Amino acid sequence: MSQRSSDQEPETSARPAPANAIGEERILDAAYELLLAIGMRRMTMADIARHAEVSRATLYRRWPNVQAVVAALMTREWTTALMSAFQPDAADGRSRLVEGVVEVVAKTRVHPLMRKIIELDPEFLTPYLLERRGSSTVAHLALVEEGIKAGQADGSIRTGDPMWLARQIILVSLASAVSGPVMAAKDEYSMLDEQLREMLTRYLAP
């Protein structure tokens, strides 16, 4: 049996990329564009698959329905906001935590994804506000709790159970982010941020 000559090109086969090689970001980006264009209620899994140029089977292997895709999209967006907001250049732990929370709230209040859902599909948010914690809320709680511990360690945050302090901060922050536009015009949002900043600073002060 003869061996392949050293200068002969190896045979290749043009096989389609396996489903797990298709990036999740590509699908979520497609869902984001569709949600802003037509809203979640009118969006179908077939629409997402078509827009992302993947098969519906590939999509269903990752998420069972549109609501699950949107939940994953929201988790991505708010995880990104969290990571960019809490920067380690503040004077102390309390300043870092307060400024981080205020920045995330300010971004959430005007985020196109949040505004579109509130405008067209507010019922999607109801379970996360009244019944259970979403994964992004769990991530917020963990990050705020760690920030409180850091501030307590450097003396800039008062004593108290970090878990309960974090929960109260998240409750206030959610109200400002979701209901802020009910209380203030868009050109007054900076006042909402300033009031939240002062409230959190006083709440956490030793």
N, C-alpha and C. Protein backbone atom coordinates (compact mmCIF):
# COMPACT_ATOMS: atom_id res chain seq x y z
N MET A 1 0.86 -1.19 0.00
CA MET A 1 0.00 0.00 0.00
C MET A 1 0.89 1.23 0.00
N SER A 2 0.75 2.08 -0.99
CA SER A 2 1.68 3.21 -1.12
C SER A 2 1.34 4.30 -0.14
N GLN A 3 2.37 5.01 0.32
CA GLN A 3 2.21 6.13 1.23
C GLN A 3 1.97 7.39 0.43
N ARG A 4 1.28 8.39 1.04
CA ARG A 4 1.06 9.68 0.41
C ARG A 4 2.39 10.39 0.25
N SER A 5 2.67 10.95 -0.90
CA SER A 5 3.93 11.66 -1.11
C SER A 5 3.96 12.89 -0.24
N SER A 6 5.17 13.32 0.14
CA SER A 6 5.34 14.40 1.09
C SER A 6 4.85 15.73 0.56
N ASP A 7 4.83 15.89 -0.79
CA ASP A 7 4.42 17.18 -1.34
C ASP A 7 2.94 17.21 -1.74
N GLN A 8 2.23 16.13 -1.46
CA GLN A 8 0.81 16.07 -1.82
C GLN A 8 -0.02 16.72 -0.71
N GLU A 9 -0.98 17.57 -1.10
CA GLU A 9 -1.81 18.27 -0.11
C GLU A 9 -2.73 17.28 0.58
N PRO A 10 -2.91 17.40 1.89
CA PRO A 10 -3.84 16.51 2.59
C PRO A 10 -5.26 16.75 2.12
N GLU A 11 -6.04 15.69 2.14
CA GLU A 11 -7.43 15.82 1.74
C GLU A 11 -8.19 16.59 2.81
N THR A 12 -9.12 17.43 2.37
CA THR A 12 -9.96 18.18 3.31
C THR A 12 -11.41 17.97 2.93
N SER A 13 -12.27 18.07 3.89
CA SER A 13 -13.70 17.94 3.62
C SER A 13 -14.41 19.17 4.12
N ALA A 14 -15.26 19.72 3.33
CA ALA A 14 -15.97 20.95 3.69
C ALA A 14 -17.19 20.59 4.52
N ARG A 15 -16.98 20.40 5.80
CA ARG A 15 -18.09 20.06 6.69
C ARG A 15 -18.61 21.32 7.36
N PRO A 16 -19.90 21.40 7.58
CA PRO A 16 -20.43 22.57 8.28
C PRO A 16 -19.94 22.60 9.72
N ALA A 17 -19.82 23.80 10.26
CA ALA A 17 -19.37 23.94 11.64
C ALA A 17 -20.38 23.29 12.57
N PRO A 18 -19.91 22.55 13.57
CA PRO A 18 -20.84 21.95 14.52
C PRO A 18 -21.62 23.01 15.28
N ALA A 19 -22.78 22.64 15.82
CA ALA A 19 -23.64 23.62 16.49
C ALA A 19 -22.93 24.32 17.64
N ASN A 20 -22.10 23.56 18.37
CA ASN A 20 -21.45 24.17 19.53
C ASN A 20 -20.32 25.12 19.14
N ALA A 21 -19.99 25.16 17.83
CA ALA A 21 -18.96 26.09 17.38
C ALA A 21 -19.54 27.44 17.00
N ILE A 22 -20.88 27.53 16.92
CA ILE A 22 -21.54 28.78 16.58
C ILE A 22 -21.62 29.63 17.85
N GLY A 23 -21.05 30.81 17.80
CA GLY A 23 -20.94 31.63 18.98
C GLY A 23 -22.28 32.09 19.53
N GLU A 24 -22.40 32.02 20.84
CA GLU A 24 -23.62 32.48 21.50
C GLU A 24 -23.83 33.96 21.28
N GLU A 25 -22.72 34.73 21.22
CA GLU A 25 -22.83 36.17 21.03
C GLU A 25 -23.54 36.51 19.73
N ARG A 26 -23.26 35.75 18.70
CA ARG A 26 -23.90 35.97 17.40
C ARG A 26 -25.41 35.84 17.49
N ILE A 27 -25.87 34.84 18.21
CA ILE A 27 -27.31 34.63 18.36
C ILE A 27 -27.93 35.73 19.22
N LEU A 28 -27.26 36.08 20.30
CA LEU A 28 -27.78 37.13 21.18
C LEU A 28 -27.79 38.48 20.49
N ASP A 29 -26.78 38.75 19.68
CA ASP A 29 -26.77 40.00 18.91
C ASP A 29 -27.98 40.06 17.96
N ALA A 30 -28.27 38.94 17.34
CA ALA A 30 -29.43 38.88 16.43
C ALA A 30 -30.73 39.11 17.20
N ALA A 31 -30.84 38.50 18.38
CA ALA A 31 -32.04 38.67 19.20
C ALA A 31 -32.17 40.13 19.65
N TYR A 32 -31.06 40.76 19.97
CA TYR A 32 -31.06 42.17 20.38
C TYR A 32 -31.63 43.04 19.25
N GLU A 33 -31.13 42.85 18.05
CA GLU A 33 -31.57 43.65 16.91
C GLU A 33 -33.07 43.45 16.65
N LEU A 34 -33.50 42.22 16.73
CA LEU A 34 -34.92 41.93 16.49
C LEU A 34 -35.81 42.53 17.57
N LEU A 35 -35.37 42.41 18.81
CA LEU A 35 -36.19 42.93 19.91
C LEU A 35 -36.40 44.43 19.76
N LEU A 36 -35.33 45.15 19.42
CA LEU A 36 -35.46 46.59 19.25
C LEU A 36 -36.33 46.93 18.04
N ALA A 37 -36.32 46.07 17.03
CA ALA A 37 -37.06 46.34 15.80
C ALA A 37 -38.55 46.03 15.93
N ILE A 38 -38.89 44.88 16.55
CA ILE A 38 -40.29 44.45 16.53
C ILE A 38 -40.86 44.14 17.91
N GLY A 39 -40.02 44.13 18.95
CA GLY A 39 -40.50 43.80 20.28
C GLY A 39 -40.48 42.30 20.54
N MET A 40 -40.49 41.93 21.79
CA MET A 40 -40.36 40.53 22.16
C MET A 40 -41.61 39.72 21.80
N ARG A 41 -42.80 40.31 21.96
CA ARG A 41 -44.03 39.56 21.75
C ARG A 41 -44.17 39.08 20.30
N ARG A 42 -43.68 39.86 19.36
CA ARG A 42 -43.80 39.49 17.94
C ARG A 42 -42.63 38.65 17.47
N MET A 43 -41.61 38.51 18.29
CA MET A 43 -40.41 37.79 17.89
C MET A 43 -40.58 36.30 18.14
N THR A 44 -40.18 35.48 17.17
CA THR A 44 -40.26 34.03 17.31
C THR A 44 -38.87 33.42 17.26
N MET A 45 -38.79 32.16 17.67
CA MET A 45 -37.51 31.46 17.59
C MET A 45 -37.06 31.33 16.14
N ALA A 46 -38.02 31.16 15.22
CA ALA A 46 -37.67 31.08 13.80
C ALA A 46 -37.07 32.40 13.33
N ASP A 47 -37.62 33.53 13.82
CA ASP A 47 -37.07 34.84 13.46
C ASP A 47 -35.62 34.96 13.93
N ILE A 48 -35.37 34.55 15.17
CA ILE A 48 -34.02 34.66 15.73
C ILE A 48 -33.05 33.79 14.95
N ALA A 49 -33.46 32.56 14.68
CA ALA A 49 -32.60 31.64 13.94
C ALA A 49 -32.28 32.19 12.56
N ARG A 50 -33.29 32.72 11.89
CA ARG A 50 -33.09 33.27 10.55
C ARG A 50 -32.15 34.48 10.60
N HIS A 51 -32.38 35.36 11.56
CA HIS A 51 -31.56 36.57 11.65
C HIS A 51 -30.12 36.25 12.03
N ALA A 52 -29.92 35.23 12.85
CA ALA A 52 -28.58 34.83 13.26
C ALA A 52 -27.92 33.88 12.26
N GLU A 53 -28.71 33.44 11.27
CA GLU A 53 -28.23 32.51 10.25
C GLU A 53 -27.76 31.19 10.87
N VAL A 54 -28.63 30.66 11.75
CA VAL A 54 -28.41 29.35 12.34
C VAL A 54 -29.69 28.55 12.18
N SER A 55 -29.61 27.26 12.37
CA SER A 55 -30.80 26.44 12.29
C SER A 55 -31.63 26.58 13.57
N ARG A 56 -32.91 26.32 13.46
CA ARG A 56 -33.75 26.35 14.65
C ARG A 56 -33.33 25.27 15.65
N ALA A 57 -32.83 24.13 15.13
CA ALA A 57 -32.37 23.07 16.02
C ALA A 57 -31.21 23.56 16.87
N THR A 58 -30.30 24.32 16.25
CA THR A 58 -29.17 24.87 17.00
C THR A 58 -29.66 25.82 18.09
N LEU A 59 -30.64 26.63 17.75
CA LEU A 59 -31.19 27.59 18.72
C LEU A 59 -31.88 26.87 19.87
N TYR A 60 -32.68 25.87 19.56
CA TYR A 60 -33.42 25.15 20.60
C TYR A 60 -32.51 24.30 21.48
N ARG A 61 -31.33 23.96 20.98
CA ARG A 61 -30.39 23.22 21.83
C ARG A 61 -29.87 24.10 22.96
N ARG A 62 -29.94 25.41 22.79
CA ARG A 62 -29.42 26.34 23.80
C ARG A 62 -30.51 26.95 24.66
N TRP A 63 -31.64 27.28 24.05
CA TRP A 63 -32.72 27.93 24.79
C TRP A 63 -34.06 27.34 24.37
N PRO A 64 -35.00 27.18 25.30
CA PRO A 64 -36.27 26.53 24.97
C PRO A 64 -37.28 27.46 24.30
N ASN A 65 -37.14 28.78 24.48
CA ASN A 65 -38.13 29.71 23.93
C ASN A 65 -37.55 31.12 23.87
N VAL A 66 -38.35 32.04 23.33
CA VAL A 66 -37.91 33.42 23.16
C VAL A 66 -37.60 34.07 24.51
N GLN A 67 -38.45 33.79 25.51
CA GLN A 67 -38.24 34.39 26.84
C GLN A 67 -36.88 34.01 27.41
N ALA A 68 -36.46 32.78 27.20
CA ALA A 68 -35.16 32.34 27.70
C ALA A 68 -34.02 33.03 26.95
N VAL A 69 -34.20 33.25 25.65
CA VAL A 69 -33.18 33.98 24.89
C VAL A 69 -33.06 35.41 25.41
N VAL A 70 -34.20 36.06 25.62
CA VAL A 70 -34.18 37.44 26.10
C VAL A 70 -33.59 37.51 27.51
N ALA A 71 -33.89 36.53 28.35
CA ALA A 71 -33.30 36.50 29.69
C ALA A 71 -31.79 36.40 29.60
N ALA A 72 -31.28 35.56 28.70
CA ALA A 72 -29.83 35.45 28.52
C ALA A 72 -29.26 36.75 27.99
N LEU A 73 -30.01 37.41 27.12
CA LEU A 73 -29.56 38.69 26.57
C LEU A 73 -29.48 39.75 27.65
N MET A 74 -30.47 39.80 28.52
CA MET A 74 -30.46 40.77 29.61
C MET A 74 -29.31 40.50 30.58
N THR A 75 -29.07 39.23 30.86
CA THR A 75 -27.95 38.88 31.73
C THR A 75 -26.64 39.36 31.11
N ARG A 76 -26.47 39.17 29.82
CA ARG A 76 -25.25 39.64 29.16
C ARG A 76 -25.10 41.15 29.26
N GLU A 77 -26.18 41.88 28.97
CA GLU A 77 -26.11 43.34 28.95
C GLU A 77 -25.79 43.89 30.33
N TRP A 78 -26.43 43.34 31.36
CA TRP A 78 -26.21 43.90 32.70
C TRP A 78 -24.93 43.39 33.35
N THR A 79 -24.46 42.26 32.96
CA THR A 79 -23.15 41.81 33.41
C THR A 79 -22.07 42.73 32.84
N THR A 80 -22.22 43.11 31.58
CA THR A 80 -21.28 44.05 30.96
C THR A 80 -21.31 45.38 31.69
N ALA A 81 -22.52 45.86 32.02
CA ALA A 81 -22.64 47.13 32.74
C ALA A 81 -21.99 47.05 34.11
N LEU A 82 -22.16 45.93 34.79
CA LEU A 82 -21.56 45.75 36.11
C LEU A 82 -20.04 45.80 36.04
N MET A 83 -19.49 45.07 35.08
CA MET A 83 -18.03 44.98 34.99
C MET A 83 -17.38 46.31 34.66
N SER A 84 -18.10 47.16 33.91
CA SER A 84 -17.51 48.45 33.53
C SER A 84 -17.72 49.52 34.59
N ALA A 85 -18.71 49.32 35.48
CA ALA A 85 -19.06 50.37 36.44
C ALA A 85 -18.18 50.38 37.68
N PHE A 86 -17.85 49.22 38.20
CA PHE A 86 -17.15 49.15 39.48
C PHE A 86 -15.64 49.14 39.25
N GLN A 87 -15.07 50.32 39.14
CA GLN A 87 -13.65 50.46 38.86
C GLN A 87 -12.88 50.73 40.16
N PRO A 88 -11.66 50.18 40.28
CA PRO A 88 -10.92 50.27 41.55
C PRO A 88 -10.12 51.56 41.73
N ASP A 89 -10.65 52.69 41.27
CA ASP A 89 -9.87 53.93 41.39
C ASP A 89 -10.53 54.94 42.33
N ALA A 90 -11.53 54.50 43.10
CA ALA A 90 -12.20 55.40 44.04
C ALA A 90 -11.37 55.58 45.29
N ALA A 91 -11.72 56.62 46.04
CA ALA A 91 -10.95 56.95 47.25
C ALA A 91 -11.08 55.88 48.31
N ASP A 92 -12.25 55.26 48.42
CA ASP A 92 -12.46 54.22 49.43
C ASP A 92 -13.57 53.29 48.96
N GLY A 93 -13.82 52.26 49.75
CA GLY A 93 -14.80 51.25 49.37
C GLY A 93 -16.20 51.81 49.21
N ARG A 94 -16.59 52.73 50.08
CA ARG A 94 -17.94 53.28 49.98
C ARG A 94 -18.11 54.09 48.70
N SER A 95 -17.15 54.93 48.38
CA SER A 95 -17.22 55.73 47.15
C SER A 95 -17.27 54.83 45.92
N ARG A 96 -16.44 53.80 45.92
CA ARG A 96 -16.42 52.88 44.79
C ARG A 96 -17.78 52.20 44.61
N LEU A 97 -18.35 51.74 45.72
CA LEU A 97 -19.63 51.05 45.66
C LEU A 97 -20.75 51.98 45.23
N VAL A 98 -20.84 53.13 45.85
CA VAL A 98 -21.92 54.07 45.55
C VAL A 98 -21.86 54.52 44.09
N GLU A 99 -20.69 54.91 43.63
CA GLU A 99 -20.56 55.37 42.24
C GLU A 99 -20.86 54.25 41.26
N GLY A 100 -20.45 53.04 41.61
CA GLY A 100 -20.74 51.91 40.74
C GLY A 100 -22.23 51.63 40.62
N VAL A 101 -22.92 51.64 41.76
CA VAL A 101 -24.36 51.39 41.76
C VAL A 101 -25.09 52.48 40.99
N VAL A 102 -24.72 53.73 41.24
CA VAL A 102 -25.39 54.85 40.55
C VAL A 102 -25.16 54.75 39.04
N GLU A 103 -23.98 54.38 38.63
CA GLU A 103 -23.70 54.27 37.19
C GLU A 103 -24.53 53.16 36.55
N VAL A 104 -24.62 52.01 37.21
CA VAL A 104 -25.41 50.91 36.66
C VAL A 104 -26.89 51.30 36.57
N VAL A 105 -27.40 51.96 37.60
CA VAL A 105 -28.80 52.40 37.59
C VAL A 105 -29.04 53.39 36.46
N ALA A 106 -28.13 54.34 36.29
CA ALA A 106 -28.28 55.35 35.24
C ALA A 106 -28.28 54.70 33.85
N LYS A 107 -27.41 53.73 33.64
CA LYS A 107 -27.35 53.04 32.35
C LYS A 107 -28.60 52.19 32.12
N THR A 108 -29.07 51.52 33.19
CA THR A 108 -30.25 50.67 33.06
C THR A 108 -31.47 51.49 32.70
N ARG A 109 -31.61 52.64 33.31
CA ARG A 109 -32.79 53.48 33.12
C ARG A 109 -32.99 53.88 31.65
N VAL A 110 -31.90 54.06 30.92
CA VAL A 110 -32.01 54.51 29.52
C VAL A 110 -31.58 53.43 28.53
N HIS A 111 -31.31 52.23 29.01
CA HIS A 111 -30.85 51.18 28.11
C HIS A 111 -31.93 50.86 27.08
N PRO A 112 -31.59 50.82 25.78
CA PRO A 112 -32.60 50.56 24.75
C PRO A 112 -33.36 49.26 24.98
N LEU A 113 -32.69 48.23 25.45
CA LEU A 113 -33.33 46.95 25.69
C LEU A 113 -34.38 47.08 26.79
N MET A 114 -34.03 47.72 27.89
CA MET A 114 -34.96 47.90 29.00
C MET A 114 -36.14 48.76 28.59
N ARG A 115 -35.88 49.87 27.87
CA ARG A 115 -36.96 50.76 27.48
C ARG A 115 -37.93 50.07 26.52
N LYS A 116 -37.41 49.27 25.59
CA LYS A 116 -38.27 48.58 24.64
C LYS A 116 -39.15 47.54 25.34
N ILE A 117 -38.56 46.80 26.29
CA ILE A 117 -39.34 45.81 27.03
C ILE A 117 -40.43 46.49 27.86
N ILE A 118 -40.10 47.58 28.53
CA ILE A 118 -41.10 48.29 29.34
C ILE A 118 -42.19 48.87 28.44
N GLU A 119 -41.81 49.33 27.26
CA GLU A 119 -42.77 49.93 26.34
C GLU A 119 -43.73 48.90 25.74
N LEU A 120 -43.21 47.75 25.32
CA LEU A 120 -44.02 46.79 24.58
C LEU A 120 -44.36 45.51 25.34
N ASP A 121 -43.48 45.07 26.22
CA ASP A 121 -43.67 43.77 26.88
C ASP A 121 -43.36 43.85 28.38
N PRO A 122 -44.01 44.76 29.11
CA PRO A 122 -43.67 44.93 30.54
C PRO A 122 -43.92 43.69 31.37
N GLU A 123 -44.84 42.83 30.93
CA GLU A 123 -45.15 41.63 31.71
C GLU A 123 -43.94 40.69 31.80
N PHE A 124 -42.98 40.83 30.88
CA PHE A 124 -41.78 40.00 30.95
C PHE A 124 -41.00 40.28 32.23
N LEU A 125 -41.04 41.52 32.71
CA LEU A 125 -40.28 41.90 33.90
C LEU A 125 -40.98 41.52 35.20
N THR A 126 -42.28 41.28 35.15
CA THR A 126 -43.05 41.07 36.38
C THR A 126 -42.48 39.96 37.26
N PRO A 127 -42.17 38.78 36.73
CA PRO A 127 -41.63 37.74 37.62
C PRO A 127 -40.34 38.15 38.31
N TYR A 128 -39.49 38.95 37.62
CA TYR A 128 -38.22 39.34 38.21
C TYR A 128 -38.37 40.46 39.24
N LEU A 129 -39.50 41.14 39.20
CA LEU A 129 -39.75 42.21 40.17
C LEU A 129 -40.59 41.73 41.35
N LEU A 130 -41.42 40.70 41.13
CA LEU A 130 -42.38 40.31 42.16
C LEU A 130 -42.24 38.87 42.64
N GLU A 131 -41.60 37.99 41.87
CA GLU A 131 -41.65 36.57 42.21
C GLU A 131 -40.29 35.93 42.45
N ARG A 132 -39.29 36.25 41.67
CA ARG A 132 -38.00 35.55 41.80
C ARG A 132 -36.87 36.45 41.35
N ARG A 133 -35.66 36.05 41.74
CA ARG A 133 -34.47 36.78 41.31
C ARG A 133 -33.96 36.20 40.00
N GLY A 134 -33.67 37.08 39.06
CA GLY A 134 -33.02 36.64 37.84
C GLY A 134 -31.52 36.52 38.07
N SER A 135 -30.82 35.94 37.12
CA SER A 135 -29.38 35.75 37.27
C SER A 135 -28.64 37.07 37.34
N SER A 136 -29.13 38.10 36.65
CA SER A 136 -28.46 39.40 36.73
C SER A 136 -28.64 40.02 38.12
N THR A 137 -29.82 39.82 38.73
CA THR A 137 -30.03 40.32 40.10
C THR A 137 -29.12 39.59 41.08
N VAL A 138 -28.97 38.29 40.90
CA VAL A 138 -28.05 37.53 41.76
C VAL A 138 -26.63 38.05 41.62
N ALA A 139 -26.22 38.36 40.40
CA ALA A 139 -24.87 38.91 40.18
C ALA A 139 -24.73 40.28 40.82
N HIS A 140 -25.76 41.12 40.71
CA HIS A 140 -25.74 42.44 41.35
C HIS A 140 -25.58 42.29 42.86
N LEU A 141 -26.38 41.40 43.45
CA LEU A 141 -26.32 41.21 44.90
C LEU A 141 -24.93 40.78 45.35
N ALA A 142 -24.34 39.84 44.63
CA ALA A 142 -23.02 39.34 45.01
C ALA A 142 -21.97 40.44 44.92
N LEU A 143 -22.04 41.24 43.86
CA LEU A 143 -21.05 42.30 43.68
C LEU A 143 -21.20 43.40 44.73
N VAL A 144 -22.44 43.77 45.03
CA VAL A 144 -22.68 44.80 46.04
C VAL A 144 -22.26 44.29 47.42
N GLU A 145 -22.55 43.04 47.71
CA GLU A 145 -22.16 42.48 49.00
C GLU A 145 -20.64 42.49 49.16
N GLU A 146 -19.92 42.14 48.11
CA GLU A 146 -18.46 42.19 48.17
C GLU A 146 -17.97 43.61 48.34
N GLY A 147 -18.63 44.56 47.68
CA GLY A 147 -18.25 45.96 47.83
C GLY A 147 -18.47 46.46 49.24
N ILE A 148 -19.54 46.01 49.87
CA ILE A 148 -19.82 46.39 51.26
C ILE A 148 -18.74 45.83 52.18
N LYS A 149 -18.37 44.59 51.97
CA LYS A 149 -17.32 43.99 52.80
C LYS A 149 -16.00 44.75 52.65
N ALA A 150 -15.69 45.16 51.43
CA ALA A 150 -14.45 45.92 51.21
C ALA A 150 -14.51 47.27 51.92
N GLY A 151 -15.68 47.92 51.87
CA GLY A 151 -15.83 49.21 52.55
C GLY A 151 -15.81 49.07 54.05
N GLN A 152 -16.36 47.98 54.56
CA GLN A 152 -16.29 47.74 56.01
C GLN A 152 -14.85 47.48 56.43
N ALA A 153 -14.10 46.82 55.57
CA ALA A 153 -12.71 46.52 55.91
C ALA A 153 -11.86 47.77 55.97
N ASP A 154 -12.15 48.78 55.11
CA ASP A 154 -11.34 50.00 55.15
C ASP A 154 -11.97 51.09 56.01
N GLY A 155 -13.11 50.76 56.65
CA GLY A 155 -13.72 51.69 57.60
C GLY A 155 -14.64 52.72 56.98
N SER A 156 -14.90 52.65 55.66
CA SER A 156 -15.73 53.67 55.02
C SER A 156 -17.21 53.31 55.03
N ILE A 157 -17.55 52.06 55.36
CA ILE A 157 -18.94 51.61 55.42
C ILE A 157 -19.24 51.11 56.82
N ARG A 158 -20.41 51.43 57.32
CA ARG A 158 -20.81 51.08 58.69
C ARG A 158 -20.89 49.56 58.86
N THR A 159 -20.92 49.15 60.11
CA THR A 159 -21.08 47.74 60.41
C THR A 159 -22.51 47.31 60.10
N GLY A 160 -22.70 46.05 59.93
CA GLY A 160 -24.01 45.49 59.60
C GLY A 160 -23.82 44.28 58.71
N ASP A 161 -24.84 43.47 58.61
CA ASP A 161 -24.78 42.27 57.79
C ASP A 161 -24.70 42.68 56.32
N PRO A 162 -23.59 42.39 55.63
CA PRO A 162 -23.45 42.79 54.23
C PRO A 162 -24.57 42.28 53.33
N MET A 163 -25.10 41.10 53.65
CA MET A 163 -26.17 40.54 52.82
C MET A 163 -27.41 41.43 52.85
N TRP A 164 -27.79 41.88 54.04
CA TRP A 164 -29.00 42.68 54.16
C TRP A 164 -28.79 44.11 53.69
N LEU A 165 -27.61 44.63 53.91
CA LEU A 165 -27.31 45.95 53.36
C LEU A 165 -27.38 45.91 51.83
N ALA A 166 -26.84 44.84 51.24
CA ALA A 166 -26.85 44.70 49.78
C ALA A 166 -28.28 44.58 49.26
N ARG A 167 -29.11 43.83 49.95
CA ARG A 167 -30.48 43.65 49.49
C ARG A 167 -31.25 44.97 49.48
N GLN A 168 -31.03 45.78 50.51
CA GLN A 168 -31.72 47.07 50.55
C GLN A 168 -31.23 47.98 49.43
N ILE A 169 -29.96 47.95 49.15
CA ILE A 169 -29.41 48.77 48.06
C ILE A 169 -30.00 48.34 46.72
N ILE A 170 -30.13 47.05 46.49
CA ILE A 170 -30.70 46.56 45.24
C ILE A 170 -32.16 46.96 45.12
N LEU A 171 -32.92 46.88 46.21
CA LEU A 171 -34.33 47.28 46.17
C LEU A 171 -34.48 48.75 45.77
N VAL A 172 -33.68 49.61 46.38
CA VAL A 172 -33.74 51.04 46.05
C VAL A 172 -33.28 51.28 44.61
N SER A 173 -32.26 50.57 44.20
CA SER A 173 -31.71 50.75 42.87
C SER A 173 -32.70 50.32 41.79
N LEU A 174 -33.38 49.19 42.01
CA LEU A 174 -34.37 48.72 41.06
C LEU A 174 -35.48 49.75 40.86
N ALA A 175 -35.94 50.33 41.95
CA ALA A 175 -37.00 51.33 41.86
C ALA A 175 -36.53 52.53 41.04
N SER A 176 -35.32 52.99 41.27
CA SER A 176 -34.80 54.14 40.54
C SER A 176 -34.61 53.83 39.07
N ALA A 177 -34.16 52.62 38.77
CA ALA A 177 -33.89 52.25 37.38
C ALA A 177 -35.17 52.03 36.59
N VAL A 178 -36.13 51.31 37.17
CA VAL A 178 -37.34 50.93 36.43
C VAL A 178 -38.41 52.01 36.49
N SER A 179 -38.61 52.60 37.68
CA SER A 179 -39.69 53.57 37.85
C SER A 179 -39.22 55.02 37.77
N GLY A 180 -37.92 55.23 37.64
CA GLY A 180 -37.41 56.59 37.54
C GLY A 180 -38.09 57.43 36.48
N PRO A 181 -38.29 56.89 35.26
CA PRO A 181 -38.94 57.69 34.22
C PRO A 181 -40.38 58.11 34.54
N VAL A 182 -41.00 57.45 35.52
CA VAL A 182 -42.33 57.85 35.94
C VAL A 182 -42.25 59.11 36.80
N MET A 183 -41.15 59.25 37.51
CA MET A 183 -40.99 60.34 38.47
C MET A 183 -40.27 61.56 37.92
N ALA A 184 -39.58 61.41 36.81
CA ALA A 184 -38.77 62.52 36.30
C ALA A 184 -38.72 62.49 34.78
N ALA A 185 -38.63 63.67 34.19
CA ALA A 185 -38.44 63.78 32.75
C ALA A 185 -37.00 63.37 32.42
N LYS A 186 -36.76 63.09 31.15
CA LYS A 186 -35.45 62.59 30.76
C LYS A 186 -34.33 63.57 31.11
N ASP A 187 -34.60 64.87 30.96
CA ASP A 187 -33.56 65.85 31.28
C ASP A 187 -33.39 66.06 32.79
N GLU A 188 -34.19 65.32 33.59
CA GLU A 188 -34.07 65.39 35.05
C GLU A 188 -33.45 64.13 35.64
N TYR A 189 -33.04 63.20 34.79
CA TYR A 189 -32.48 61.94 35.30
C TYR A 189 -31.25 62.16 36.16
N SER A 190 -30.47 63.18 35.86
CA SER A 190 -29.28 63.45 36.66
C SER A 190 -29.65 63.76 38.11
N MET A 191 -30.83 64.35 38.32
CA MET A 191 -31.28 64.62 39.68
C MET A 191 -31.63 63.32 40.40
N LEU A 192 -32.23 62.37 39.67
CA LEU A 192 -32.48 61.07 40.27
C LEU A 192 -31.17 60.41 40.70
N ASP A 193 -30.16 60.51 39.84
CA ASP A 193 -28.86 59.92 40.17
C ASP A 193 -28.25 60.60 41.39
N GLU A 194 -28.37 61.91 41.46
CA GLU A 194 -27.79 62.64 42.59
C GLU A 194 -28.49 62.28 43.90
N GLN A 195 -29.81 62.15 43.85
CA GLN A 195 -30.56 61.77 45.05
C GLN A 195 -30.21 60.35 45.48
N LEU A 196 -30.05 59.44 44.51
CA LEU A 196 -29.66 58.07 44.84
C LEU A 196 -28.26 58.04 45.44
N ARG A 197 -27.37 58.82 44.87
CA ARG A 197 -25.99 58.89 45.39
C ARG A 197 -25.98 59.36 46.85
N GLU A 198 -26.75 60.42 47.13
CA GLU A 198 -26.79 60.94 48.50
C GLU A 198 -27.44 59.93 49.45
N MET A 199 -28.51 59.29 49.00
CA MET A 199 -29.18 58.31 49.84
C MET A 199 -28.26 57.16 50.21
N LEU A 200 -27.55 56.60 49.21
CA LEU A 200 -26.67 55.47 49.47
C LEU A 200 -25.49 55.88 50.33
N THR A 201 -24.95 57.06 50.08
CA THR A 201 -23.80 57.54 50.86
C THR A 201 -24.19 57.66 52.33
N ARG A 202 -25.34 58.23 52.61
CA ARG A 202 -25.79 58.39 54.00
C ARG A 202 -26.14 57.03 54.62
N TYR A 203 -26.75 56.16 53.84
CA TYR A 203 -27.14 54.85 54.34
C TYR A 203 -25.93 54.01 54.77
N LEU A 204 -24.84 54.16 54.02
CA LEU A 204 -23.65 53.33 54.28
C LEU A 204 -22.62 53.99 55.18
N ALA A 205 -22.81 55.28 55.48
CA ALA A 205 -21.81 55.99 56.28
C ALA A 205 -21.66 55.38 57.67
N PRO A 206 -20.43 55.31 58.20
CA PRO A 206 -20.19 54.76 59.55
C PRO A 206 -20.90 55.61 60.61
